[in-house]
């Protein structure tokens, strides 16, 4: 099972990222653990400069922008 984290303070861009992740998972028929990380010290542990960020299996895939559904599907394949 994939472990997906969305890093950010809970802003609109973070929520959009979460929606895109859920759409990608649904389109692929994959089950995954999706966690939102809003704690700044925990976010900074991933050494990112801006949010939102998408982390899949502890690897930062995107930061500072909203990944598209198709892009997320590529990361999960």
PDB file of N, CA and C in Angstrom:
ATOM      1  N   UNK A   1       0.847  -1.180   0.000  1.00  0.00           N
ATOM      2  CA  UNK A   1       0.000   0.000   0.000  1.00  0.00           C
ATOM      3  C   UNK A   1       0.891   1.241   0.000  1.00  0.00           C
ATOM      4  N   UNK A   2       0.527   2.206  -0.826  1.00  0.00           N
ATOM      5  CA  UNK A   2       1.267   3.459  -0.914  1.00  0.00           C
ATOM      6  C   UNK A   2       0.970   4.326   0.299  1.00  0.00           C
ATOM      7  N   UNK A   3       1.977   5.091   0.702  1.00  0.00           N
ATOM      8  CA  UNK A   3       1.848   6.034   1.801  1.00  0.00           C
ATOM      9  C   UNK A   3       2.025   7.430   1.216  1.00  0.00           C
ATOM     10  N   UNK A   4       0.945   8.216   1.210  1.00  0.00           N
ATOM     11  CA  UNK A   4       0.952   9.539   0.594  1.00  0.00           C
ATOM     12  C   UNK A   4       0.756  10.590   1.667  1.00  0.00           C
ATOM     13  N   UNK A   5       1.595  11.638   1.605  1.00  0.00           N
ATOM     14  CA  UNK A   5       1.467  12.761   2.540  1.00  0.00           C
ATOM     15  C   UNK A   5       1.329  14.045   1.748  1.00  0.00           C
ATOM     16  N   UNK A   6       0.439  14.901   2.232  1.00  0.00           N
ATOM     17  CA  UNK A   6       0.262  16.228   1.658  1.00  0.00           C
ATOM     18  C   UNK A   6       0.719  17.208   2.725  1.00  0.00           C
ATOM     19  N   UNK A   7       1.763  17.954   2.402  1.00  0.00           N
ATOM     20  CA  UNK A   7       2.348  18.881   3.358  1.00  0.00           C
ATOM     21  C   UNK A   7       1.849  20.288   3.084  1.00  0.00           C
ATOM     22  N   UNK A   8       1.367  20.960   4.123  1.00  0.00           N
ATOM     23  CA  UNK A   8       0.915  22.335   3.973  1.00  0.00           C
ATOM     24  C   UNK A   8       0.021  22.746   5.120  1.00  0.00           C
ATOM     25  N   UNK A   9      -0.231  24.059   5.227  1.00  0.00           N
ATOM     26  CA  UNK A   9      -0.986  24.583   6.362  1.00  0.00           C
ATOM     27  C   UNK A   9      -2.493  24.369   6.289  1.00  0.00           C
ATOM     28  N   UNK A  10      -2.997  23.772   5.209  1.00  0.00           N
ATOM     29  CA  UNK A  10      -4.436  23.553   5.084  1.00  0.00           C
ATOM     30  C   UNK A  10      -5.099  24.583   4.203  1.00  0.00           C
ATOM     31  N   UNK A  11      -4.312  25.252   3.378  1.00  0.00           N
ATOM     32  CA  UNK A  11      -4.831  26.286   2.483  1.00  0.00           C
ATOM     33  C   UNK A  11      -5.621  25.661   1.326  1.00  0.00           C
ATOM     34  N   UNK A  12      -6.191  26.506   0.500  1.00  0.00           N
ATOM     35  CA  UNK A  12      -6.960  26.044  -0.657  1.00  0.00           C
ATOM     36  C   UNK A  12      -6.108  25.188  -1.584  1.00  0.00           C
ATOM     37  N   UNK A  13      -4.862  25.590  -1.808  1.00  0.00           N
ATOM     38  CA  UNK A  13      -3.969  24.818  -2.679  1.00  0.00           C
ATOM     39  C   UNK A  13      -3.700  23.431  -2.100  1.00  0.00           C
ATOM     40  N   UNK A  14      -3.614  23.337  -0.789  1.00  0.00           N
ATOM     41  CA  UNK A  14      -3.416  22.035  -0.136  1.00  0.00           C
ATOM     42  C   UNK A  14      -4.654  21.154  -0.320  1.00  0.00           C
ATOM     43  N   UNK A  15      -5.817  21.754  -0.172  1.00  0.00           N
ATOM     44  CA  UNK A  15      -7.062  21.000  -0.359  1.00  0.00           C
ATOM     45  C   UNK A  15      -7.216  20.560  -1.811  1.00  0.00           C
ATOM     46  N   UNK A  16      -6.817  21.409  -2.756  1.00  0.00           N
ATOM     47  CA  UNK A  16      -6.867  21.034  -4.171  1.00  0.00           C
ATOM     48  C   UNK A  16      -5.924  19.873  -4.458  1.00  0.00           C
ATOM     49  N   UNK A  17      -4.749  19.902  -3.839  1.00  0.00           N
ATOM     50  CA  UNK A  17      -3.796  18.801  -3.994  1.00  0.00           C
ATOM     51  C   UNK A  17      -4.401  17.512  -3.460  1.00  0.00           C
ATOM     52  N   UNK A  18      -5.038  17.578  -2.306  1.00  0.00           N
ATOM     53  CA  UNK A  18      -5.674  16.397  -1.720  1.00  0.00           C
ATOM     54  C   UNK A  18      -6.777  15.858  -2.634  1.00  0.00           C
ATOM     55  N   UNK A  19      -7.588  16.750  -3.198  1.00  0.00           N
ATOM     56  CA  UNK A  19      -8.652  16.314  -4.109  1.00  0.00           C
ATOM     57  C   UNK A  19      -8.059  15.622  -5.335  1.00  0.00           C
ATOM     58  N   UNK A  20      -6.979  16.168  -5.883  1.00  0.00           N
ATOM     59  CA  UNK A  20      -6.342  15.554  -7.050  1.00  0.00           C
ATOM     60  C   UNK A  20      -5.754  14.189  -6.716  1.00  0.00           C
ATOM     61  N   UNK A  21      -5.187  14.061  -5.525  1.00  0.00           N
ATOM     62  CA  UNK A  21      -4.659  12.762  -5.090  1.00  0.00           C
ATOM     63  C   UNK A  21      -5.784  11.739  -5.024  1.00  0.00           C
ATOM     64  N   UNK A  22      -6.900  12.123  -4.419  1.00  0.00           N
ATOM     65  CA  UNK A  22      -8.032  11.205  -4.286  1.00  0.00           C
ATOM     66  C   UNK A  22      -8.610  10.814  -5.638  1.00  0.00           C
ATOM     67  N   UNK A  23      -8.678  11.772  -6.585  1.00  0.00           N
ATOM     68  CA  UNK A  23      -9.159  11.463  -7.928  1.00  0.00           C
ATOM     69  C   UNK A  23      -8.216  10.492  -8.623  1.00  0.00           C
ATOM     70  N   UNK A  24      -6.908  10.714  -8.486  1.00  0.00           N
ATOM     71  CA  UNK A  24      -5.921   9.829  -9.122  1.00  0.00           C
ATOM     72  C   UNK A  24      -6.030   8.418  -8.559  1.00  0.00           C
ATOM     73  N   UNK A  25      -6.181   8.299  -7.246  1.00  0.00           N
ATOM     74  CA  UNK A  25      -6.308   6.983  -6.618  1.00  0.00           C
ATOM     75  C   UNK A  25      -7.574   6.281  -7.103  1.00  0.00           C
ATOM     76  N   UNK A  26      -8.654   7.038  -7.185  1.00  0.00           N
ATOM     77  CA  UNK A  26      -9.929   6.467  -7.649  1.00  0.00           C
ATOM     78  C   UNK A  26      -9.816   6.015  -9.102  1.00  0.00           C
ATOM     79  N   UNK A  27      -9.210   6.843  -9.953  1.00  0.00           N
ATOM     80  CA  UNK A  27      -9.051   6.499 -11.370  1.00  0.00           C
ATOM     81  C   UNK A  27      -8.214   5.243 -11.562  1.00  0.00           C
ATOM     82  N   UNK A  28      -7.186   5.079 -10.729  1.00  0.00           N
ATOM     83  CA  UNK A  28      -6.306   3.918 -10.847  1.00  0.00           C
ATOM     84  C   UNK A  28      -6.819   2.703 -10.080  1.00  0.00           C
ATOM     85  N   UNK A  29      -7.794   2.905  -9.202  1.00  0.00           N
ATOM     86  CA  UNK A  29      -8.297   1.808  -8.380  1.00  0.00           C
ATOM     87  C   UNK A  29      -7.295   1.350  -7.343  1.00  0.00           C
ATOM     88  N   UNK A  30      -6.518   2.299  -6.842  1.00  0.00           N
ATOM     89  CA  UNK A  30      -5.472   1.986  -5.861  1.00  0.00           C
ATOM     90  C   UNK A  30      -5.924   2.462  -4.481  1.00  0.00           C
ATOM     91  N   UNK A  31      -5.635   1.651  -3.478  1.00  0.00           N
ATOM     92  CA  UNK A  31      -5.858   2.073  -2.101  1.00  0.00           C
ATOM     93  C   UNK A  31      -4.547   2.592  -1.553  1.00  0.00           C
ATOM     94  N   UNK A  32      -4.619   3.679  -0.802  1.00  0.00           N
ATOM     95  CA  UNK A  32      -3.410   4.260  -0.224  1.00  0.00           C
ATOM     96  C   UNK A  32      -3.764   4.966   1.069  1.00  0.00           C
ATOM     97  N   UNK A  33      -2.767   5.119   1.898  1.00  0.00           N
ATOM     98  CA  UNK A  33      -2.912   5.902   3.114  1.00  0.00           C
ATOM     99  C   UNK A  33      -2.591   7.349   2.761  1.00  0.00           C
ATOM    100  N   UNK A  34      -3.569   8.245   2.932  1.00  0.00           N
ATOM    101  CA  UNK A  34      -3.370   9.663   2.625  1.00  0.00           C
ATOM    102  C   UNK A  34      -3.426  10.442   3.935  1.00  0.00           C
ATOM    103  N   UNK A  35      -2.331  11.156   4.213  1.00  0.00           N
ATOM    104  CA  UNK A  35      -2.210  11.910   5.455  1.00  0.00           C
ATOM    105  C   UNK A  35      -1.902  13.366   5.146  1.00  0.00           C
ATOM    106  N   UNK A  36      -2.568  14.269   5.851  1.00  0.00           N
ATOM    107  CA  UNK A  36      -2.251  15.694   5.721  1.00  0.00           C
ATOM    108  C   UNK A  36      -1.337  16.069   6.885  1.00  0.00           C
ATOM    109  N   UNK A  37      -0.217  16.709   6.555  1.00  0.00           N
ATOM    110  CA  UNK A  37       0.736  17.153   7.559  1.00  0.00           C
ATOM    111  C   UNK A  37       0.661  18.674   7.630  1.00  0.00           C
ATOM    112  N   UNK A  38       0.252  19.221   8.773  1.00  0.00           N
ATOM    113  CA  UNK A  38       0.122  20.664   8.936  1.00  0.00           C
ATOM    114  C   UNK A  38       1.099  21.235   9.964  1.00  0.00           C
ATOM    115  N   UNK A  39       1.812  20.378  10.655  1.00  0.00           N
ATOM    116  CA  UNK A  39       2.767  20.790  11.685  1.00  0.00           C
ATOM    117  C   UNK A  39       4.057  21.280  11.022  1.00  0.00           C
ATOM    118  N   UNK A  40       4.395  22.560  11.207  1.00  0.00           N
ATOM    119  CA  UNK A  40       5.541  23.148  10.512  1.00  0.00           C
ATOM    120  C   UNK A  40       6.868  22.430  10.759  1.00  0.00           C
ATOM    121  N   UNK A  41       7.206  22.055  11.992  1.00  0.00           N
ATOM    122  CA  UNK A  41       8.470  21.322  12.169  1.00  0.00           C
ATOM    123  C   UNK A  41       8.499  20.007  11.383  1.00  0.00           C
ATOM    124  N   UNK A  42       7.375  19.335  11.312  1.00  0.00           N
ATOM    125  CA  UNK A  42       7.309  18.086  10.549  1.00  0.00           C
ATOM    126  C   UNK A  42       7.421  18.356   9.045  1.00  0.00           C
ATOM    127  N   UNK A  43       6.792  19.446   8.580  1.00  0.00           N
ATOM    128  CA  UNK A  43       6.892  19.822   7.166  1.00  0.00           C
ATOM    129  C   UNK A  43       8.339  20.146   6.822  1.00  0.00           C
ATOM    130  N   UNK A  44       9.007  20.899   7.671  1.00  0.00           N
ATOM    131  CA  UNK A  44      10.381  21.321   7.407  1.00  0.00           C
ATOM    132  C   UNK A  44      11.355  20.142   7.408  1.00  0.00           C
ATOM    133  N   UNK A  45      10.998  19.058   8.036  1.00  0.00           N
ATOM    134  CA  UNK A  45      11.852  17.865   8.036  1.00  0.00           C
ATOM    135  C   UNK A  45      12.015  17.299   6.627  1.00  0.00           C
ATOM    136  N   UNK A  46      11.105  17.662   5.717  1.00  0.00           N
ATOM    137  CA  UNK A  46      11.188  17.181   4.341  1.00  0.00           C
ATOM    138  C   UNK A  46      12.025  18.112   3.452  1.00  0.00           C
ATOM    139  N   UNK A  47      12.573  19.166   4.041  1.00  0.00           N
ATOM    140  CA  UNK A  47      13.491  20.069   3.330  1.00  0.00           C
ATOM    141  C   UNK A  47      12.873  20.646   2.060  1.00  0.00           C
ATOM    142  N   UNK A  48      11.645  21.157   2.197  1.00  0.00           N
ATOM    143  CA  UNK A  48      10.980  21.804   1.068  1.00  0.00           C
ATOM    144  C   UNK A  48      10.968  23.307   1.315  1.00  0.00           C
ATOM    145  N   UNK A  49      10.885  24.067   0.233  1.00  0.00           N
ATOM    146  CA  UNK A  49      10.905  25.521   0.341  1.00  0.00           C
ATOM    147  C   UNK A  49       9.509  26.140   0.327  1.00  0.00           C
ATOM    148  N   UNK A  50       8.534  25.441  -0.275  1.00  0.00           N
ATOM    149  CA  UNK A  50       7.185  25.980  -0.316  1.00  0.00           C
ATOM    150  C   UNK A  50       6.160  24.854  -0.362  1.00  0.00           C
ATOM    151  N   UNK A  51       4.945  25.210   0.026  1.00  0.00           N
ATOM    152  CA  UNK A  51       3.848  24.254   0.040  1.00  0.00           C
ATOM    153  C   UNK A  51       2.837  24.658  -1.015  1.00  0.00           C
ATOM    154  N   UNK A  52       1.952  23.775  -1.418  1.00  0.00           N
ATOM    155  CA  UNK A  52       1.808  22.407  -0.934  1.00  0.00           C
ATOM    156  C   UNK A  52       2.913  21.519  -1.485  1.00  0.00           C
ATOM    157  N   UNK A  53       3.119  20.405  -0.798  1.00  0.00           N
ATOM    158  CA  UNK A  53       4.073  19.407  -1.264  1.00  0.00           C
ATOM    159  C   UNK A  53       3.405  18.046  -1.221  1.00  0.00           C
ATOM    160  N   UNK A  54       3.816  17.199  -2.152  1.00  0.00           N
ATOM    161  CA  UNK A  54       3.285  15.847  -2.241  1.00  0.00           C
ATOM    162  C   UNK A  54       4.426  14.873  -2.011  1.00  0.00           C
ATOM    163  N   UNK A  55       4.247  14.008  -1.019  1.00  0.00           N
ATOM    164  CA  UNK A  55       5.265  13.014  -0.669  1.00  0.00           C
ATOM    165  C   UNK A  55       4.642  11.635  -0.858  1.00  0.00           C
ATOM    166  N   UNK A  56       5.300  10.792  -1.652  1.00  0.00           N
ATOM    167  CA  UNK A  56       4.824   9.434  -1.871  1.00  0.00           C
ATOM    168  C   UNK A  56       5.911   8.478  -1.420  1.00  0.00           C
ATOM    169  N   UNK A  57       5.566   7.618  -0.471  1.00  0.00           N
ATOM    170  CA  UNK A  57       6.519   6.663   0.102  1.00  0.00           C
ATOM    171  C   UNK A  57       7.810   7.348   0.531  1.00  0.00           C
ATOM    172  N   UNK A  58       7.644   8.479   1.226  1.00  0.00           N
ATOM    173  CA  UNK A  58       8.741   9.260   1.821  1.00  0.00           C
ATOM    174  C   UNK A  58       9.661   9.936   0.800  1.00  0.00           C
ATOM    175  N   UNK A  59       9.210  10.071  -0.449  1.00  0.00           N
ATOM    176  CA  UNK A  59       9.971  10.785  -1.478  1.00  0.00           C
ATOM    177  C   UNK A  59       9.150  12.000  -1.902  1.00  0.00           C
ATOM    178  N   UNK A  60       9.741  13.192  -1.811  1.00  0.00           N
ATOM    179  CA  UNK A  60       9.050  14.408  -2.238  1.00  0.00           C
ATOM    180  C   UNK A  60       8.959  14.393  -3.756  1.00  0.00           C
ATOM    181  N   UNK A  61       7.736  14.417  -4.264  1.00  0.00           N
ATOM    182  CA  UNK A  61       7.505  14.389  -5.710  1.00  0.00           C
ATOM    183  C   UNK A  61       7.263  15.782  -6.274  1.00  0.00           C
ATOM    184  N   UNK A  62       6.564  16.634  -5.513  1.00  0.00           N
ATOM    185  CA  UNK A  62       6.222  17.982  -5.970  1.00  0.00           C
ATOM    186  C   UNK A  62       6.208  18.896  -4.754  1.00  0.00           C
ATOM    187  N   UNK A  63       6.704  20.125  -4.935  1.00  0.00           N
ATOM    188  CA  UNK A  63       6.512  21.127  -3.887  1.00  0.00           C
ATOM    189  C   UNK A  63       6.334  22.495  -4.530  1.00  0.00           C
ATOM    190  N   UNK A  64       5.516  23.309  -3.886  1.00  0.00           N
ATOM    191  CA  UNK A  64       5.288  24.669  -4.342  1.00  0.00           C
ATOM    192  C   UNK A  64       4.235  24.833  -5.413  1.00  0.00           C
ATOM    193  N   UNK A  65       3.570  23.751  -5.785  1.00  0.00           N
ATOM    194  CA  UNK A  65       2.500  23.839  -6.786  1.00  0.00           C
ATOM    195  C   UNK A  65       1.539  22.668  -6.615  1.00  0.00           C
ATOM    196  N   UNK A  66       0.409  22.761  -7.300  1.00  0.00           N
ATOM    197  CA  UNK A  66      -0.606  21.713  -7.243  1.00  0.00           C
ATOM    198  C   UNK A  66      -0.346  20.735  -8.381  1.00  0.00           C
ATOM    199  N   UNK A  67      -0.049  19.479  -8.072  1.00  0.00           N
ATOM    200  CA  UNK A  67       0.146  18.503  -9.141  1.00  0.00           C
ATOM    201  C   UNK A  67      -1.188  18.126  -9.784  1.00  0.00           C
ATOM    202  N   UNK A  68      -1.161  17.870 -11.083  1.00  0.00           N
ATOM    203  CA  UNK A  68      -2.381  17.480 -11.787  1.00  0.00           C
ATOM    204  C   UNK A  68      -2.701  16.016 -11.463  1.00  0.00           C
ATOM    205  N   UNK A  69      -3.938  15.647 -11.755  1.00  0.00           N
ATOM    206  CA  UNK A  69      -4.366  14.255 -11.545  1.00  0.00           C
ATOM    207  C   UNK A  69      -3.498  13.313 -12.382  1.00  0.00           C
ATOM    208  N   UNK A  70      -3.264  13.676 -13.642  1.00  0.00           N
ATOM    209  CA  UNK A  70      -2.463  12.821 -14.523  1.00  0.00           C
ATOM    210  C   UNK A  70      -1.016  12.692 -14.017  1.00  0.00           C
ATOM    211  N   UNK A  71      -0.475  13.769 -13.511  1.00  0.00           N
ATOM    212  CA  UNK A  71       0.874  13.744 -12.958  1.00  0.00           C
ATOM    213  C   UNK A  71       0.951  12.808 -11.748  1.00  0.00           C
ATOM    214  N   UNK A  72      -0.036  12.890 -10.888  1.00  0.00           N
ATOM    215  CA  UNK A  72      -0.078  12.022  -9.702  1.00  0.00           C
ATOM    216  C   UNK A  72      -0.226  10.563 -10.125  1.00  0.00           C
ATOM    217  N   UNK A  73      -1.037  10.321 -11.135  1.00  0.00           N
ATOM    218  CA  UNK A  73      -1.200   8.950 -11.629  1.00  0.00           C
ATOM    219  C   UNK A  73       0.129   8.405 -12.125  1.00  0.00           C
ATOM    220  N   UNK A  74       0.934   9.231 -12.761  1.00  0.00           N
ATOM    221  CA  UNK A  74       2.264   8.805 -13.212  1.00  0.00           C
ATOM    222  C   UNK A  74       3.146   8.449 -12.017  1.00  0.00           C
ATOM    223  N   UNK A  75       3.094   9.254 -10.975  1.00  0.00           N
ATOM    224  CA  UNK A  75       3.892   8.968  -9.776  1.00  0.00           C
ATOM    225  C   UNK A  75       3.491   7.646  -9.139  1.00  0.00           C
ATOM    226  N   UNK A  76       2.210   7.311  -9.209  1.00  0.00           N
ATOM    227  CA  UNK A  76       1.700   6.112  -8.547  1.00  0.00           C
ATOM    228  C   UNK A  76       1.853   4.833  -9.377  1.00  0.00           C
ATOM    229  N   UNK A  77       2.118   5.000 -10.660  1.00  0.00           N
ATOM    230  CA  UNK A  77       2.236   3.831 -11.541  1.00  0.00           C
ATOM    231  C   UNK A  77       3.597   3.168 -11.420  1.00  0.00           C
TER     232      UNK A  77
END
